[in-house]
């Protein structure tokens, strides 16, 4: 359907060097977008860009540390130097750490917040300024989590940051609608990646999967529909929305 068409649009994906960020980058490139790959590990970005190019897509690696305002600013200067203005932004960069809240240090708390919520804000604002300067509309997609809606043991900083990201999404959607900038979020459930694959195979992970109504963990491809909906004209009247993709997990009382 043409309403889902993003061919030729410029998309920025943060945290693109691995995991879901890499998946989102490949997805958008496969749909014809010019993808800007942003992360700290530039060697991985360059490898990914080469693979996307070899497959017929277009990708540009850009070094970006979302915890640094100077790094984010420098990245957008480089993007502008390429003659590009992102019209789609996937705010995906994030970290998670599991530790009892009584043992959580100031450094633990700060690092999680600085990446998951402060970093998302830095990128969102920089992207919005670039869109306004170019007088073009755009769409921002924040990658939240069902743990921003419910809690998990020993994940205090992460759940707090993701809950804040949900509110950031709603607030920005209100402030920036007048500029033609839509801001929405996806709240994935447990999606299998290299980082959590070991846990999901463990006894505890298997017990958790049994509490998901669909009785399976999610795969990265399960997020494709929501991603393309929010990135394209198909979601043109969606603003401030939170799309939950979790197999019904957030509704489970088990």
Protein backbone atom coordinates (compact mmCIF):
# COMPACT_ATOMS: atom_id res chain seq x y z
CA UNK A 1 0.00 0.00 0.00
CA UNK A 2 1.28 3.45 -0.88
CA UNK A 3 0.31 4.74 2.54
CA UNK A 4 3.13 2.65 4.04
CA UNK A 5 5.66 3.86 1.48
CA UNK A 6 8.83 5.45 2.91
CA UNK A 7 11.01 5.15 -0.20
CA UNK A 8 13.41 8.05 -0.55
CA UNK A 9 12.83 9.40 2.93
CA UNK A 10 15.74 9.97 5.30
CA UNK A 11 15.66 7.94 8.52
CA UNK A 12 17.95 8.24 11.53
CA UNK A 13 18.29 5.23 13.83
CA UNK A 14 20.18 5.54 17.11
CA UNK A 15 21.77 2.53 18.74
CA UNK A 16 22.06 1.08 15.24
CA UNK A 17 25.22 -0.93 15.85
CA UNK A 18 23.43 -3.99 17.24
CA UNK A 19 20.17 -5.52 18.44
CA UNK A 20 16.88 -3.84 17.65
CA UNK A 21 18.61 -0.74 16.30
CA UNK A 22 20.35 -2.80 13.64
CA UNK A 23 17.05 -4.48 12.81
CA UNK A 24 15.21 -1.17 12.45
CA UNK A 25 17.98 0.13 10.19
CA UNK A 26 17.82 -2.90 7.92
CA UNK A 27 14.01 -2.72 7.82
CA UNK A 28 13.87 0.95 6.83
CA UNK A 29 16.63 0.52 4.24
CA UNK A 30 14.83 -2.46 2.72
CA UNK A 31 11.75 -0.25 2.36
CA UNK A 32 13.73 2.31 0.37
CA UNK A 33 14.68 4.85 3.04
CA UNK A 34 18.10 6.47 3.16
CA UNK A 35 19.24 5.37 6.61
CA UNK A 36 21.62 7.22 8.90
CA UNK A 37 23.21 4.71 11.26
CA UNK A 38 24.10 6.32 14.59
CA UNK A 39 25.95 4.75 17.52
CA UNK A 40 29.30 4.81 19.32
CA UNK A 41 30.75 1.66 17.74
CA UNK A 42 31.59 3.04 14.32
CA UNK A 43 33.31 -0.14 13.16
CA UNK A 44 30.01 -1.98 13.44
CA UNK A 45 28.17 0.87 11.73
CA UNK A 46 30.55 0.79 8.79
CA UNK A 47 30.09 -2.96 8.43
CA UNK A 48 26.31 -2.60 8.56
CA UNK A 49 26.36 0.25 6.04
CA UNK A 50 28.40 -1.92 3.66
CA UNK A 51 25.91 -4.78 4.01
CA UNK A 52 22.93 -2.50 3.41
CA UNK A 53 24.63 -0.98 0.35
CA UNK A 54 25.47 -4.43 -1.01
CA UNK A 55 21.80 -5.34 -0.70
CA UNK A 56 20.83 -2.32 -2.80
CA UNK A 57 20.04 0.09 0.02
CA UNK A 58 21.49 3.42 1.10
CA UNK A 59 23.11 3.96 4.51
CA UNK A 60 25.51 6.40 6.13
CA UNK A 61 27.36 5.62 9.39
CA UNK A 62 27.60 8.53 11.84
CA UNK A 63 29.33 8.44 15.21
CA UNK A 64 26.97 9.49 18.01
CA UNK A 65 27.06 9.10 21.80
CA UNK A 66 23.59 10.07 23.00
CA UNK A 67 24.91 10.74 26.51
CA UNK A 68 26.95 13.66 25.16
CA UNK A 69 25.26 16.83 23.96
CA UNK A 70 28.42 17.73 22.04
CA UNK A 71 28.45 14.35 20.29
CA UNK A 72 24.79 14.64 19.29
CA UNK A 73 25.39 18.16 17.96
CA UNK A 74 28.45 17.03 16.01
CA UNK A 75 26.51 14.13 14.51
CA UNK A 76 23.78 16.44 13.22
CA UNK A 77 26.41 18.75 11.76
CA UNK A 78 27.83 15.78 9.87
CA UNK A 79 24.35 14.71 8.73
CA UNK A 80 23.71 18.23 7.44
CA UNK A 81 27.07 18.07 5.67
CA UNK A 82 25.80 15.04 3.79
CA UNK A 83 22.92 17.18 2.57
CA UNK A 84 20.42 15.16 4.58
CA UNK A 85 17.65 16.06 7.01
CA UNK A 86 16.09 13.13 8.90
CA UNK A 87 12.33 12.98 8.44
CA UNK A 88 12.05 9.73 10.38
CA UNK A 89 13.86 9.32 13.69
CA UNK A 90 13.94 6.06 15.62
CA UNK A 91 15.12 6.87 19.14
CA UNK A 92 16.34 3.40 20.00
CA UNK A 93 19.60 3.82 21.95
CA UNK A 94 19.27 2.40 25.44
CA UNK A 95 20.86 0.31 28.14
CA UNK A 96 19.54 -1.99 30.86
CA UNK A 97 21.07 -3.28 34.04
CA UNK A 98 19.66 -5.61 36.67
CA UNK A 99 20.57 -4.87 40.26
CA UNK A 100 18.64 -4.83 43.56
CA UNK A 101 17.45 -1.25 44.13
CA UNK A 102 19.01 -1.16 47.60
CA UNK A 103 22.40 -1.71 45.92
CA UNK A 104 21.90 0.71 43.04
CA UNK A 105 24.66 3.32 42.97
CA UNK A 106 24.49 6.93 41.86
CA UNK A 107 26.59 5.96 38.83
CA UNK A 108 24.21 3.09 37.95
CA UNK A 109 21.20 5.39 38.12
CA UNK A 110 22.85 8.24 36.22
CA UNK A 111 24.15 6.08 33.37
CA UNK A 112 20.72 4.55 32.77
CA UNK A 113 18.94 7.89 32.85
CA UNK A 114 21.57 9.63 30.77
CA UNK A 115 21.18 7.10 27.96
CA UNK A 116 17.52 6.07 28.09
CA UNK A 117 15.76 9.36 28.77
CA UNK A 118 18.27 12.23 28.54
CA UNK A 119 19.75 10.79 25.36
CA UNK A 120 16.32 10.38 23.79
CA UNK A 121 15.55 14.03 24.60
CA UNK A 122 18.84 15.25 23.13
CA UNK A 123 18.28 13.45 19.84
CA UNK A 124 14.61 14.40 19.63
CA UNK A 125 15.32 18.09 20.11
CA UNK A 126 18.24 18.12 17.68
CA UNK A 127 16.13 16.33 15.06
CA UNK A 128 13.18 18.68 15.55
CA UNK A 129 15.44 21.72 15.15
CA UNK A 130 16.82 20.29 11.91
CA UNK A 131 13.30 19.65 10.60
CA UNK A 132 12.19 23.18 11.49
CA UNK A 133 15.25 24.73 9.86
CA UNK A 134 14.51 22.77 6.69
CA UNK A 135 10.79 23.58 6.95
CA UNK A 136 9.86 19.95 6.66
CA UNK A 137 7.54 17.74 8.72
CA UNK A 138 8.70 14.55 10.37
CA UNK A 139 7.98 11.68 12.67
CA UNK A 140 9.80 10.57 15.81
CA UNK A 141 9.49 7.03 17.13
CA UNK A 142 10.69 6.47 20.68
CA UNK A 143 11.43 2.87 21.65
CA UNK A 144 9.94 2.49 25.11
CA UNK A 145 9.06 -0.81 26.82
CA UNK A 146 6.19 -2.52 28.57
CA UNK A 147 8.37 -2.03 31.65
CA UNK A 148 7.45 1.63 31.37
CA UNK A 149 3.89 0.51 32.06
CA UNK A 150 4.52 -2.20 34.61
CA UNK A 151 7.50 -3.03 36.80
CA UNK A 152 10.06 -5.80 36.96
CA UNK A 153 12.18 -6.87 39.89
CA UNK A 154 15.63 -5.30 40.21
CA UNK A 155 15.06 -2.95 37.27
CA UNK A 156 14.34 0.32 39.09
CA UNK A 157 16.37 2.69 36.91
CA UNK A 158 15.31 1.05 33.65
CA UNK A 159 11.59 0.99 34.42
CA UNK A 160 11.69 4.58 35.67
CA UNK A 161 13.49 5.77 32.55
CA UNK A 162 11.09 3.97 30.21
CA UNK A 163 8.08 5.39 32.07
CA UNK A 164 9.61 8.83 31.65
CA UNK A 165 10.11 8.13 27.93
CA UNK A 166 6.38 7.45 27.58
CA UNK A 167 5.62 10.84 29.14
CA UNK A 168 8.31 12.52 27.03
CA UNK A 169 6.57 11.12 23.95
CA UNK A 170 3.18 12.51 25.00
CA UNK A 171 4.55 15.92 25.95
CA UNK A 172 6.53 16.38 22.75
CA UNK A 173 3.57 15.25 20.66
CA UNK A 174 1.58 18.10 22.19
CA UNK A 175 4.32 20.70 21.77
CA UNK A 176 5.47 19.82 18.27
CA UNK A 177 2.23 18.94 16.45
CA UNK A 178 1.97 22.57 15.33
CA UNK A 179 5.21 22.09 13.39
CA UNK A 180 4.04 18.99 11.58
CA UNK A 181 6.20 16.74 13.74
CA UNK A 182 4.50 13.63 15.08
CA UNK A 183 5.93 11.90 18.16
CA UNK A 184 4.88 8.35 19.02
CA UNK A 185 6.37 5.37 20.82
CA UNK A 186 6.53 1.61 20.59
CA UNK A 187 6.49 -0.42 23.80
CA UNK A 188 7.95 -3.83 23.00
CA UNK A 189 7.57 -6.77 25.30
CA UNK A 190 10.40 -9.26 25.62
CA UNK A 191 12.05 -9.42 22.20
CA UNK A 192 14.80 -11.99 21.68
CA UNK A 193 18.21 -10.44 20.99
CA UNK A 194 21.83 -11.43 21.53
CA UNK A 195 21.76 -9.66 24.90
CA UNK A 196 18.85 -11.58 26.44
CA UNK A 197 19.01 -14.88 24.58
CA UNK A 198 20.82 -16.59 27.44
CA UNK A 199 18.27 -15.45 30.00
CA UNK A 200 15.33 -16.49 27.83
CA UNK A 201 16.77 -20.00 27.56
CA UNK A 202 17.19 -20.24 31.33
CA UNK A 203 14.68 -21.68 33.77
CA UNK A 204 13.67 -18.18 34.85
CA UNK A 205 13.30 -17.05 31.25
CA UNK A 206 11.16 -20.04 30.34
CA UNK A 207 8.93 -19.39 33.35
CA UNK A 208 8.50 -15.78 32.21
CA UNK A 209 7.57 -16.86 28.68
CA UNK A 210 4.80 -19.02 30.12
CA UNK A 211 3.24 -15.85 31.54
CA UNK A 212 2.93 -14.35 28.06
CA UNK A 213 -0.59 -15.11 26.77
CA UNK A 214 0.76 -16.02 23.31
CA UNK A 215 3.26 -18.38 25.03
CA UNK A 216 6.25 -17.19 23.02
CA UNK A 217 8.87 -14.51 23.19
CA UNK A 218 8.83 -11.82 20.52
CA UNK A 219 11.14 -11.64 17.53
CA UNK A 220 12.55 -8.41 16.09
CA UNK A 221 10.36 -8.83 13.01
CA UNK A 222 7.27 -8.64 15.22
CA UNK A 223 7.97 -4.90 15.53
CA UNK A 224 8.04 -4.26 11.77
CA UNK A 225 4.35 -3.48 11.37
CA UNK A 226 4.27 -0.95 14.19
CA UNK A 227 7.51 0.64 12.99
CA UNK A 228 6.30 1.15 9.43
CA UNK A 229 2.89 2.33 10.62
CA UNK A 230 4.42 5.13 12.68
CA UNK A 231 7.12 5.96 10.13
CA UNK A 232 4.78 6.30 7.16
CA UNK A 233 1.68 8.19 6.07
CA UNK A 234 -0.36 5.22 7.28
CA UNK A 235 -0.03 6.68 10.77
CA UNK A 236 -0.51 10.30 9.73
CA UNK A 237 -3.18 10.94 12.39
CA UNK A 238 -1.31 9.16 15.15
CA UNK A 239 0.41 11.52 17.56
CA UNK A 240 1.28 10.85 21.18
CA UNK A 241 0.33 7.20 20.76
CA UNK A 242 1.97 4.26 22.50
CA UNK A 243 1.84 1.07 20.43
CA UNK A 244 2.30 -1.98 22.65
CA UNK A 245 3.78 -5.03 20.92
CA UNK A 246 4.12 -7.75 23.55
CA UNK A 247 1.94 -10.77 22.79
CA UNK A 248 -0.47 -9.61 25.50
CA UNK A 249 2.19 -9.74 28.23
CA UNK A 250 1.32 -6.35 29.75
CA UNK A 251 -2.28 -7.53 30.23
CA UNK A 252 -1.29 -10.76 31.93
CA UNK A 253 -1.90 -11.14 35.64
CA UNK A 254 -0.17 -14.52 35.77
